[in-house]
Amino acid sequence: MVPTLEQSAKVPLEPNEIIADVLQAAEQGITIAHLHARDLMGRPTYKKDLYARIISGIREKHQSLILCVSCSGRTDAEIDRRSEVMELDDDLKPDMATLTLSSMNFRDQASINSPDMIKKLANRIMDRAIVPELEIFESYTTGRAGGL
């Protein structure tokens, strides 16, 4: 969800690019794909219609892949936005959805996940019979003890 074209000319942004990358990885043996959708400007988005295009394109060619969708808090703080992708049904319904169990300050932004938000997302995941992908982000340092 973070890389831009300026950082890497190979980052897939459009649904067809994401589909192609996932299908290529499936040929190499992956069994699960963690998906992020992008809007027309290449920014991360929660929009279920874009996820539907991606999921449909993947499942059209590879039905056995486990598909996990992002419910990230980096760009959206509202529960309805973060969980919109879980409203997809039938073949478009994701197998898994991210459930981030902590907040984290990244270099340029924070991912906020209050205990209340975590509970709300967990309930929506369970209500939809979707398997949670438990995410925990934590910063760490390398090198000498005490040397930051």
N, C-alpha and C. Protein backbone atom coordinates (compact mmCIF):
# COMPACT_ATOMS: atom_id res chain seq x y z
N MET A 1 0.81 -1.19 0.00
CA MET A 1 0.00 0.00 0.00
C MET A 1 0.85 1.25 0.00
N VAL A 2 2.11 1.13 0.30
CA VAL A 2 2.97 2.30 0.44
C VAL A 2 3.73 2.67 -0.83
N PRO A 3 4.32 1.70 -1.55
CA PRO A 3 5.16 2.08 -2.69
C PRO A 3 4.41 2.86 -3.77
N THR A 4 5.11 3.78 -4.38
CA THR A 4 4.58 4.57 -5.49
C THR A 4 5.41 4.27 -6.74
N LEU A 5 4.93 4.73 -7.89
CA LEU A 5 5.69 4.55 -9.12
C LEU A 5 7.03 5.26 -9.06
N GLU A 6 7.09 6.37 -8.33
CA GLU A 6 8.35 7.09 -8.19
C GLU A 6 9.38 6.26 -7.43
N GLN A 7 8.91 5.41 -6.53
CA GLN A 7 9.82 4.57 -5.75
C GLN A 7 10.19 3.29 -6.48
N SER A 8 9.27 2.79 -7.31
CA SER A 8 9.53 1.57 -8.07
C SER A 8 8.63 1.54 -9.29
N ALA A 9 9.24 1.47 -10.44
CA ALA A 9 8.46 1.42 -11.69
C ALA A 9 7.68 0.12 -11.82
N LYS A 10 7.96 -0.85 -10.98
CA LYS A 10 7.33 -2.17 -11.07
C LYS A 10 6.13 -2.34 -10.15
N VAL A 11 5.83 -1.36 -9.31
CA VAL A 11 4.73 -1.53 -8.35
C VAL A 11 3.39 -1.57 -9.11
N PRO A 12 2.59 -2.63 -8.88
CA PRO A 12 1.30 -2.71 -9.56
C PRO A 12 0.28 -1.80 -8.89
N LEU A 13 -0.37 -0.95 -9.65
CA LEU A 13 -1.34 -0.01 -9.09
C LEU A 13 -2.75 -0.26 -9.59
N GLU A 14 -2.90 -0.54 -10.86
CA GLU A 14 -4.21 -0.73 -11.45
C GLU A 14 -4.68 -2.18 -11.24
N PRO A 15 -5.99 -2.39 -11.18
CA PRO A 15 -6.48 -3.76 -10.98
C PRO A 15 -5.86 -4.79 -11.90
N ASN A 16 -5.74 -4.49 -13.19
CA ASN A 16 -5.18 -5.46 -14.13
C ASN A 16 -3.72 -5.77 -13.82
N GLU A 17 -2.97 -4.77 -13.34
CA GLU A 17 -1.57 -5.00 -12.96
C GLU A 17 -1.48 -5.87 -11.71
N ILE A 18 -2.35 -5.61 -10.75
CA ILE A 18 -2.36 -6.40 -9.51
C ILE A 18 -2.75 -7.84 -9.83
N ILE A 19 -3.77 -8.01 -10.65
CA ILE A 19 -4.22 -9.35 -11.05
C ILE A 19 -3.08 -10.10 -11.73
N ALA A 20 -2.42 -9.44 -12.67
CA ALA A 20 -1.31 -10.09 -13.40
C ALA A 20 -0.19 -10.51 -12.46
N ASP A 21 0.16 -9.64 -11.50
CA ASP A 21 1.22 -9.99 -10.55
C ASP A 21 0.83 -11.17 -9.67
N VAL A 22 -0.40 -11.18 -9.19
CA VAL A 22 -0.86 -12.28 -8.34
C VAL A 22 -0.88 -13.58 -9.14
N LEU A 23 -1.38 -13.55 -10.36
CA LEU A 23 -1.43 -14.76 -11.18
C LEU A 23 -0.03 -15.27 -11.53
N GLN A 24 0.89 -14.35 -11.76
CA GLN A 24 2.28 -14.75 -12.02
C GLN A 24 2.88 -15.41 -10.77
N ALA A 25 2.61 -14.83 -9.61
CA ALA A 25 3.11 -15.42 -8.36
C ALA A 25 2.45 -16.79 -8.11
N ALA A 26 1.18 -16.93 -8.49
CA ALA A 26 0.49 -18.22 -8.32
C ALA A 26 1.17 -19.29 -9.17
N GLU A 27 1.64 -18.91 -10.35
CA GLU A 27 2.37 -19.87 -11.19
C GLU A 27 3.66 -20.32 -10.51
N GLN A 28 4.20 -19.48 -9.63
CA GLN A 28 5.42 -19.81 -8.91
C GLN A 28 5.14 -20.58 -7.62
N GLY A 29 3.84 -20.72 -7.25
CA GLY A 29 3.49 -21.56 -6.14
C GLY A 29 2.87 -20.91 -4.92
N ILE A 30 2.57 -19.61 -4.97
CA ILE A 30 1.93 -19.01 -3.79
C ILE A 30 0.55 -19.63 -3.59
N THR A 31 0.08 -19.61 -2.37
CA THR A 31 -1.26 -20.13 -2.07
C THR A 31 -2.14 -19.06 -1.46
N ILE A 32 -1.56 -17.91 -1.11
CA ILE A 32 -2.31 -16.81 -0.50
C ILE A 32 -1.77 -15.50 -1.03
N ALA A 33 -2.67 -14.54 -1.22
CA ALA A 33 -2.27 -13.21 -1.67
C ALA A 33 -2.91 -12.16 -0.76
N HIS A 34 -2.11 -11.25 -0.26
CA HIS A 34 -2.55 -10.13 0.56
C HIS A 34 -2.74 -8.94 -0.39
N LEU A 35 -3.98 -8.47 -0.52
CA LEU A 35 -4.32 -7.48 -1.54
C LEU A 35 -4.56 -6.08 -0.97
N HIS A 36 -4.07 -5.10 -1.71
CA HIS A 36 -4.39 -3.69 -1.48
C HIS A 36 -4.92 -3.14 -2.80
N ALA A 37 -5.93 -2.31 -2.75
CA ALA A 37 -6.47 -1.68 -3.95
C ALA A 37 -6.00 -0.23 -4.01
N ARG A 38 -5.92 0.32 -5.22
CA ARG A 38 -5.50 1.70 -5.43
C ARG A 38 -6.57 2.43 -6.23
N ASP A 39 -6.70 3.73 -5.98
CA ASP A 39 -7.63 4.55 -6.76
C ASP A 39 -6.95 4.99 -8.06
N LEU A 40 -7.63 5.82 -8.85
CA LEU A 40 -7.09 6.26 -10.14
C LEU A 40 -5.81 7.08 -10.02
N MET A 41 -5.56 7.64 -8.84
CA MET A 41 -4.35 8.42 -8.60
C MET A 41 -3.22 7.55 -8.02
N GLY A 42 -3.48 6.27 -7.83
CA GLY A 42 -2.49 5.36 -7.29
C GLY A 42 -2.42 5.33 -5.78
N ARG A 43 -3.37 5.98 -5.12
CA ARG A 43 -3.39 6.02 -3.65
C ARG A 43 -4.18 4.81 -3.12
N PRO A 44 -3.82 4.32 -1.94
CA PRO A 44 -4.58 3.23 -1.34
C PRO A 44 -6.05 3.60 -1.17
N THR A 45 -6.95 2.65 -1.42
CA THR A 45 -8.38 2.90 -1.27
C THR A 45 -9.07 1.71 -0.62
N TYR A 46 -10.17 1.98 0.01
CA TYR A 46 -10.98 0.96 0.66
C TYR A 46 -12.13 0.51 -0.24
N LYS A 47 -12.33 1.11 -1.40
CA LYS A 47 -13.51 0.91 -2.24
C LYS A 47 -13.69 -0.55 -2.66
N LYS A 48 -14.84 -1.09 -2.29
CA LYS A 48 -15.10 -2.50 -2.58
C LYS A 48 -15.23 -2.78 -4.07
N ASP A 49 -15.63 -1.80 -4.87
CA ASP A 49 -15.74 -2.05 -6.30
C ASP A 49 -14.38 -2.32 -6.94
N LEU A 50 -13.35 -1.66 -6.44
CA LEU A 50 -12.01 -1.93 -6.97
C LEU A 50 -11.51 -3.29 -6.49
N TYR A 51 -11.77 -3.61 -5.23
CA TYR A 51 -11.42 -4.95 -4.74
C TYR A 51 -12.19 -6.02 -5.52
N ALA A 52 -13.44 -5.75 -5.84
CA ALA A 52 -14.25 -6.72 -6.60
C ALA A 52 -13.61 -7.01 -7.96
N ARG A 53 -13.12 -5.97 -8.62
CA ARG A 53 -12.45 -6.16 -9.93
C ARG A 53 -11.21 -7.03 -9.77
N ILE A 54 -10.44 -6.76 -8.72
CA ILE A 54 -9.20 -7.52 -8.49
C ILE A 54 -9.53 -8.98 -8.15
N ILE A 55 -10.42 -9.17 -7.21
CA ILE A 55 -10.78 -10.53 -6.79
C ILE A 55 -11.37 -11.32 -7.95
N SER A 56 -12.26 -10.69 -8.71
CA SER A 56 -12.88 -11.35 -9.85
C SER A 56 -11.83 -11.79 -10.87
N GLY A 57 -10.91 -10.90 -11.17
CA GLY A 57 -9.87 -11.21 -12.15
C GLY A 57 -8.97 -12.35 -11.71
N ILE A 58 -8.68 -12.40 -10.43
CA ILE A 58 -7.84 -13.49 -9.91
C ILE A 58 -8.62 -14.79 -9.92
N ARG A 59 -9.83 -14.76 -9.40
CA ARG A 59 -10.61 -16.00 -9.29
C ARG A 59 -11.04 -16.54 -10.65
N GLU A 60 -11.12 -15.69 -11.64
CA GLU A 60 -11.45 -16.13 -13.00
C GLU A 60 -10.41 -17.12 -13.51
N LYS A 61 -9.17 -16.93 -13.09
CA LYS A 61 -8.07 -17.78 -13.57
C LYS A 61 -7.55 -18.75 -12.51
N HIS A 62 -7.76 -18.42 -11.24
CA HIS A 62 -7.16 -19.23 -10.17
C HIS A 62 -8.07 -19.25 -8.95
N GLN A 63 -8.99 -20.20 -8.91
CA GLN A 63 -10.00 -20.25 -7.86
C GLN A 63 -9.46 -20.69 -6.50
N SER A 64 -8.35 -21.40 -6.46
CA SER A 64 -7.89 -21.98 -5.20
C SER A 64 -7.03 -21.04 -4.35
N LEU A 65 -6.64 -19.90 -4.87
CA LEU A 65 -5.85 -18.96 -4.07
C LEU A 65 -6.67 -18.42 -2.91
N ILE A 66 -6.06 -18.31 -1.76
CA ILE A 66 -6.68 -17.66 -0.62
C ILE A 66 -6.42 -16.16 -0.77
N LEU A 67 -7.49 -15.37 -0.75
CA LEU A 67 -7.36 -13.93 -0.97
C LEU A 67 -7.66 -13.17 0.32
N CYS A 68 -6.68 -12.38 0.75
CA CYS A 68 -6.78 -11.58 1.96
C CYS A 68 -6.80 -10.10 1.57
N VAL A 69 -7.79 -9.38 2.06
CA VAL A 69 -7.93 -7.96 1.73
C VAL A 69 -7.48 -7.09 2.91
N SER A 70 -7.04 -5.90 2.59
CA SER A 70 -6.57 -4.97 3.61
C SER A 70 -7.72 -4.17 4.21
N CYS A 71 -7.70 -4.04 5.52
CA CYS A 71 -8.63 -3.15 6.25
C CYS A 71 -7.79 -2.15 7.04
N SER A 72 -6.78 -1.63 6.39
CA SER A 72 -5.75 -0.81 7.03
C SER A 72 -6.27 0.48 7.65
N GLY A 73 -5.58 0.90 8.69
CA GLY A 73 -5.88 2.16 9.35
C GLY A 73 -4.93 3.28 8.96
N ARG A 74 -4.07 3.04 7.99
CA ARG A 74 -3.12 4.09 7.61
C ARG A 74 -3.79 5.26 6.91
N THR A 75 -4.82 4.98 6.13
CA THR A 75 -5.45 6.06 5.37
C THR A 75 -6.90 6.31 5.76
N ASP A 76 -7.53 5.36 6.42
CA ASP A 76 -8.94 5.51 6.78
C ASP A 76 -9.16 5.17 8.25
N ALA A 77 -9.83 6.08 8.94
CA ALA A 77 -10.09 5.87 10.36
C ALA A 77 -11.52 5.42 10.63
N GLU A 78 -12.37 5.44 9.61
CA GLU A 78 -13.78 5.12 9.81
C GLU A 78 -14.05 3.63 9.61
N ILE A 79 -14.78 3.05 10.54
CA ILE A 79 -15.07 1.61 10.50
C ILE A 79 -15.79 1.21 9.21
N ASP A 80 -16.73 2.02 8.73
CA ASP A 80 -17.47 1.65 7.52
C ASP A 80 -16.56 1.61 6.29
N ARG A 81 -15.61 2.51 6.23
CA ARG A 81 -14.67 2.49 5.10
C ARG A 81 -13.72 1.30 5.23
N ARG A 82 -13.16 1.13 6.40
CA ARG A 82 -12.18 0.06 6.60
C ARG A 82 -12.78 -1.32 6.39
N SER A 83 -14.06 -1.48 6.60
CA SER A 83 -14.69 -2.80 6.47
C SER A 83 -15.55 -2.95 5.22
N GLU A 84 -15.60 -1.93 4.37
CA GLU A 84 -16.46 -1.99 3.18
C GLU A 84 -16.17 -3.20 2.32
N VAL A 85 -14.92 -3.56 2.15
CA VAL A 85 -14.56 -4.69 1.29
C VAL A 85 -15.16 -6.00 1.78
N MET A 86 -15.46 -6.08 3.06
CA MET A 86 -16.04 -7.32 3.60
C MET A 86 -17.51 -7.48 3.22
N GLU A 87 -18.11 -6.48 2.58
CA GLU A 87 -19.51 -6.56 2.14
C GLU A 87 -19.66 -7.36 0.85
N LEU A 88 -18.55 -7.66 0.18
CA LEU A 88 -18.61 -8.43 -1.06
C LEU A 88 -19.15 -9.83 -0.78
N ASP A 89 -19.90 -10.36 -1.73
CA ASP A 89 -20.54 -11.67 -1.56
C ASP A 89 -20.12 -12.65 -2.63
N ASP A 90 -20.55 -13.88 -2.41
CA ASP A 90 -20.38 -14.97 -3.35
C ASP A 90 -18.90 -15.14 -3.72
N ASP A 91 -18.58 -15.24 -5.02
CA ASP A 91 -17.20 -15.46 -5.45
C ASP A 91 -16.30 -14.27 -5.17
N LEU A 92 -16.89 -13.12 -4.89
CA LEU A 92 -16.09 -11.92 -4.63
C LEU A 92 -15.75 -11.74 -3.14
N LYS A 93 -16.41 -12.51 -2.30
CA LYS A 93 -16.16 -12.41 -0.87
C LYS A 93 -14.73 -12.84 -0.57
N PRO A 94 -13.97 -12.00 0.14
CA PRO A 94 -12.59 -12.39 0.46
C PRO A 94 -12.56 -13.55 1.46
N ASP A 95 -11.50 -14.34 1.39
CA ASP A 95 -11.32 -15.44 2.33
C ASP A 95 -10.83 -14.92 3.67
N MET A 96 -10.01 -13.88 3.61
CA MET A 96 -9.39 -13.31 4.81
C MET A 96 -9.44 -11.79 4.74
N ALA A 97 -9.32 -11.16 5.91
CA ALA A 97 -9.23 -9.70 6.00
C ALA A 97 -8.26 -9.35 7.12
N THR A 98 -7.51 -8.28 6.93
CA THR A 98 -6.52 -7.91 7.93
C THR A 98 -7.19 -7.38 9.19
N LEU A 99 -6.64 -7.78 10.31
CA LEU A 99 -7.04 -7.27 11.61
C LEU A 99 -5.75 -6.87 12.32
N THR A 100 -5.46 -5.59 12.27
CA THR A 100 -4.23 -5.08 12.87
C THR A 100 -4.47 -4.84 14.35
N LEU A 101 -3.64 -5.45 15.17
CA LEU A 101 -3.86 -5.49 16.61
C LEU A 101 -3.06 -4.44 17.39
N SER A 102 -2.51 -3.47 16.67
CA SER A 102 -1.75 -2.42 17.34
C SER A 102 -1.72 -1.18 16.46
N SER A 103 -1.31 -0.08 17.06
CA SER A 103 -1.05 1.14 16.30
C SER A 103 0.46 1.21 16.07
N MET A 104 0.83 1.96 15.05
CA MET A 104 2.26 2.02 14.72
C MET A 104 2.56 3.32 14.01
N ASN A 105 3.63 3.95 14.40
CA ASN A 105 4.13 5.13 13.69
C ASN A 105 5.13 4.67 12.64
N PHE A 106 4.75 4.80 11.38
CA PHE A 106 5.66 4.53 10.29
C PHE A 106 6.43 5.82 9.99
N ARG A 107 7.36 5.77 9.07
CA ARG A 107 8.20 6.93 8.81
C ARG A 107 7.41 8.18 8.45
N ASP A 108 6.39 8.02 7.60
CA ASP A 108 5.66 9.19 7.11
C ASP A 108 4.22 9.28 7.58
N GLN A 109 3.74 8.28 8.31
CA GLN A 109 2.35 8.30 8.75
C GLN A 109 2.14 7.28 9.86
N ALA A 110 1.01 7.38 10.50
CA ALA A 110 0.66 6.44 11.56
C ALA A 110 -0.47 5.53 11.10
N SER A 111 -0.46 4.34 11.62
CA SER A 111 -1.58 3.42 11.45
C SER A 111 -2.25 3.32 12.81
N ILE A 112 -3.45 3.87 12.92
CA ILE A 112 -4.13 3.96 14.21
C ILE A 112 -5.16 2.84 14.33
N ASN A 113 -5.04 2.10 15.39
CA ASN A 113 -5.95 0.98 15.65
C ASN A 113 -6.28 0.97 17.14
N SER A 114 -7.28 1.72 17.51
CA SER A 114 -7.69 1.78 18.91
C SER A 114 -8.30 0.44 19.32
N PRO A 115 -8.32 0.13 20.60
CA PRO A 115 -8.98 -1.10 21.04
C PRO A 115 -10.43 -1.19 20.55
N ASP A 116 -11.15 -0.08 20.54
CA ASP A 116 -12.53 -0.08 20.06
C ASP A 116 -12.60 -0.43 18.57
N MET A 117 -11.70 0.13 17.77
CA MET A 117 -11.67 -0.17 16.33
C MET A 117 -11.34 -1.64 16.10
N ILE A 118 -10.39 -2.15 16.85
CA ILE A 118 -10.01 -3.57 16.70
C ILE A 118 -11.21 -4.46 16.98
N LYS A 119 -11.94 -4.16 18.04
CA LYS A 119 -13.13 -4.96 18.38
C LYS A 119 -14.18 -4.87 17.28
N LYS A 120 -14.42 -3.65 16.77
CA LYS A 120 -15.43 -3.49 15.71
C LYS A 120 -15.04 -4.25 14.45
N LEU A 121 -13.78 -4.15 14.06
CA LEU A 121 -13.33 -4.88 12.88
C LEU A 121 -13.42 -6.39 13.10
N ALA A 122 -13.01 -6.84 14.28
CA ALA A 122 -13.07 -8.27 14.59
C ALA A 122 -14.51 -8.77 14.51
N ASN A 123 -15.44 -7.99 15.03
CA ASN A 123 -16.85 -8.40 14.97
C ASN A 123 -17.36 -8.47 13.55
N ARG A 124 -16.98 -7.51 12.71
CA ARG A 124 -17.43 -7.54 11.31
C ARG A 124 -16.81 -8.72 10.57
N ILE A 125 -15.56 -9.01 10.86
CA ILE A 125 -14.89 -10.16 10.24
C ILE A 125 -15.63 -11.44 10.64
N MET A 126 -15.91 -11.59 11.92
CA MET A 126 -16.61 -12.80 12.38
C MET A 126 -18.03 -12.87 11.84
N ASP A 127 -18.74 -11.74 11.81
CA ASP A 127 -20.11 -11.72 11.30
C ASP A 127 -20.17 -12.18 9.84
N ARG A 128 -19.13 -11.90 9.08
CA ARG A 128 -19.09 -12.26 7.67
C ARG A 128 -18.45 -13.62 7.43
N ALA A 129 -18.04 -14.30 8.50
CA ALA A 129 -17.38 -15.61 8.40
C ALA A 129 -16.13 -15.53 7.52
N ILE A 130 -15.36 -14.49 7.75
CA ILE A 130 -14.08 -14.28 7.08
C ILE A 130 -13.00 -14.56 8.12
N VAL A 131 -11.90 -15.13 7.67
CA VAL A 131 -10.80 -15.44 8.58
C VAL A 131 -9.92 -14.20 8.74
N PRO A 132 -9.60 -13.82 9.99
CA PRO A 132 -8.74 -12.65 10.18
C PRO A 132 -7.27 -12.99 9.92
N GLU A 133 -6.58 -12.06 9.29
CA GLU A 133 -5.12 -12.12 9.21
C GLU A 133 -4.64 -11.19 10.31
N LEU A 134 -4.07 -11.74 11.36
CA LEU A 134 -3.65 -10.94 12.49
C LEU A 134 -2.33 -10.25 12.17
N GLU A 135 -2.35 -8.92 12.23
CA GLU A 135 -1.15 -8.13 11.95
C GLU A 135 -0.74 -7.41 13.23
N ILE A 136 0.54 -7.46 13.50
CA ILE A 136 1.10 -6.70 14.62
C ILE A 136 2.35 -6.03 14.11
N PHE A 137 2.36 -4.71 14.12
CA PHE A 137 3.52 -3.95 13.70
C PHE A 137 4.23 -3.45 14.94
N GLU A 138 5.54 -3.54 14.93
CA GLU A 138 6.32 -3.02 16.05
C GLU A 138 7.65 -2.55 15.50
N SER A 139 8.09 -1.43 16.00
CA SER A 139 9.39 -0.94 15.56
C SER A 139 10.48 -1.68 16.33
N TYR A 140 11.63 -1.74 15.73
CA TYR A 140 12.77 -2.37 16.39
C TYR A 140 14.03 -1.67 15.91
N THR A 141 15.08 -1.86 16.64
CA THR A 141 16.36 -1.30 16.25
C THR A 141 17.36 -2.42 16.16
N THR A 142 18.38 -2.20 15.40
CA THR A 142 19.48 -3.16 15.32
C THR A 142 20.73 -2.49 15.85
N GLY A 143 21.68 -3.26 16.16
CA GLY A 143 22.93 -2.69 16.66
C GLY A 143 23.09 -2.85 18.14
N ARG A 144 23.90 -2.01 18.73
CA ARG A 144 24.21 -2.11 20.16
C ARG A 144 23.00 -1.83 21.01
N ALA A 145 22.96 -2.48 22.15
CA ALA A 145 21.90 -2.22 23.13
C ALA A 145 21.99 -0.76 23.56
N GLY A 146 20.84 -0.11 23.58
CA GLY A 146 20.79 1.28 24.03
C GLY A 146 21.18 2.29 22.98
N GLY A 147 21.64 1.84 21.83
CA GLY A 147 22.09 2.79 20.80
C GLY A 147 21.02 3.08 19.78
N LEU A 148 20.27 4.14 19.97
CA LEU A 148 19.25 4.52 18.99
C LEU A 148 19.76 5.59 18.10
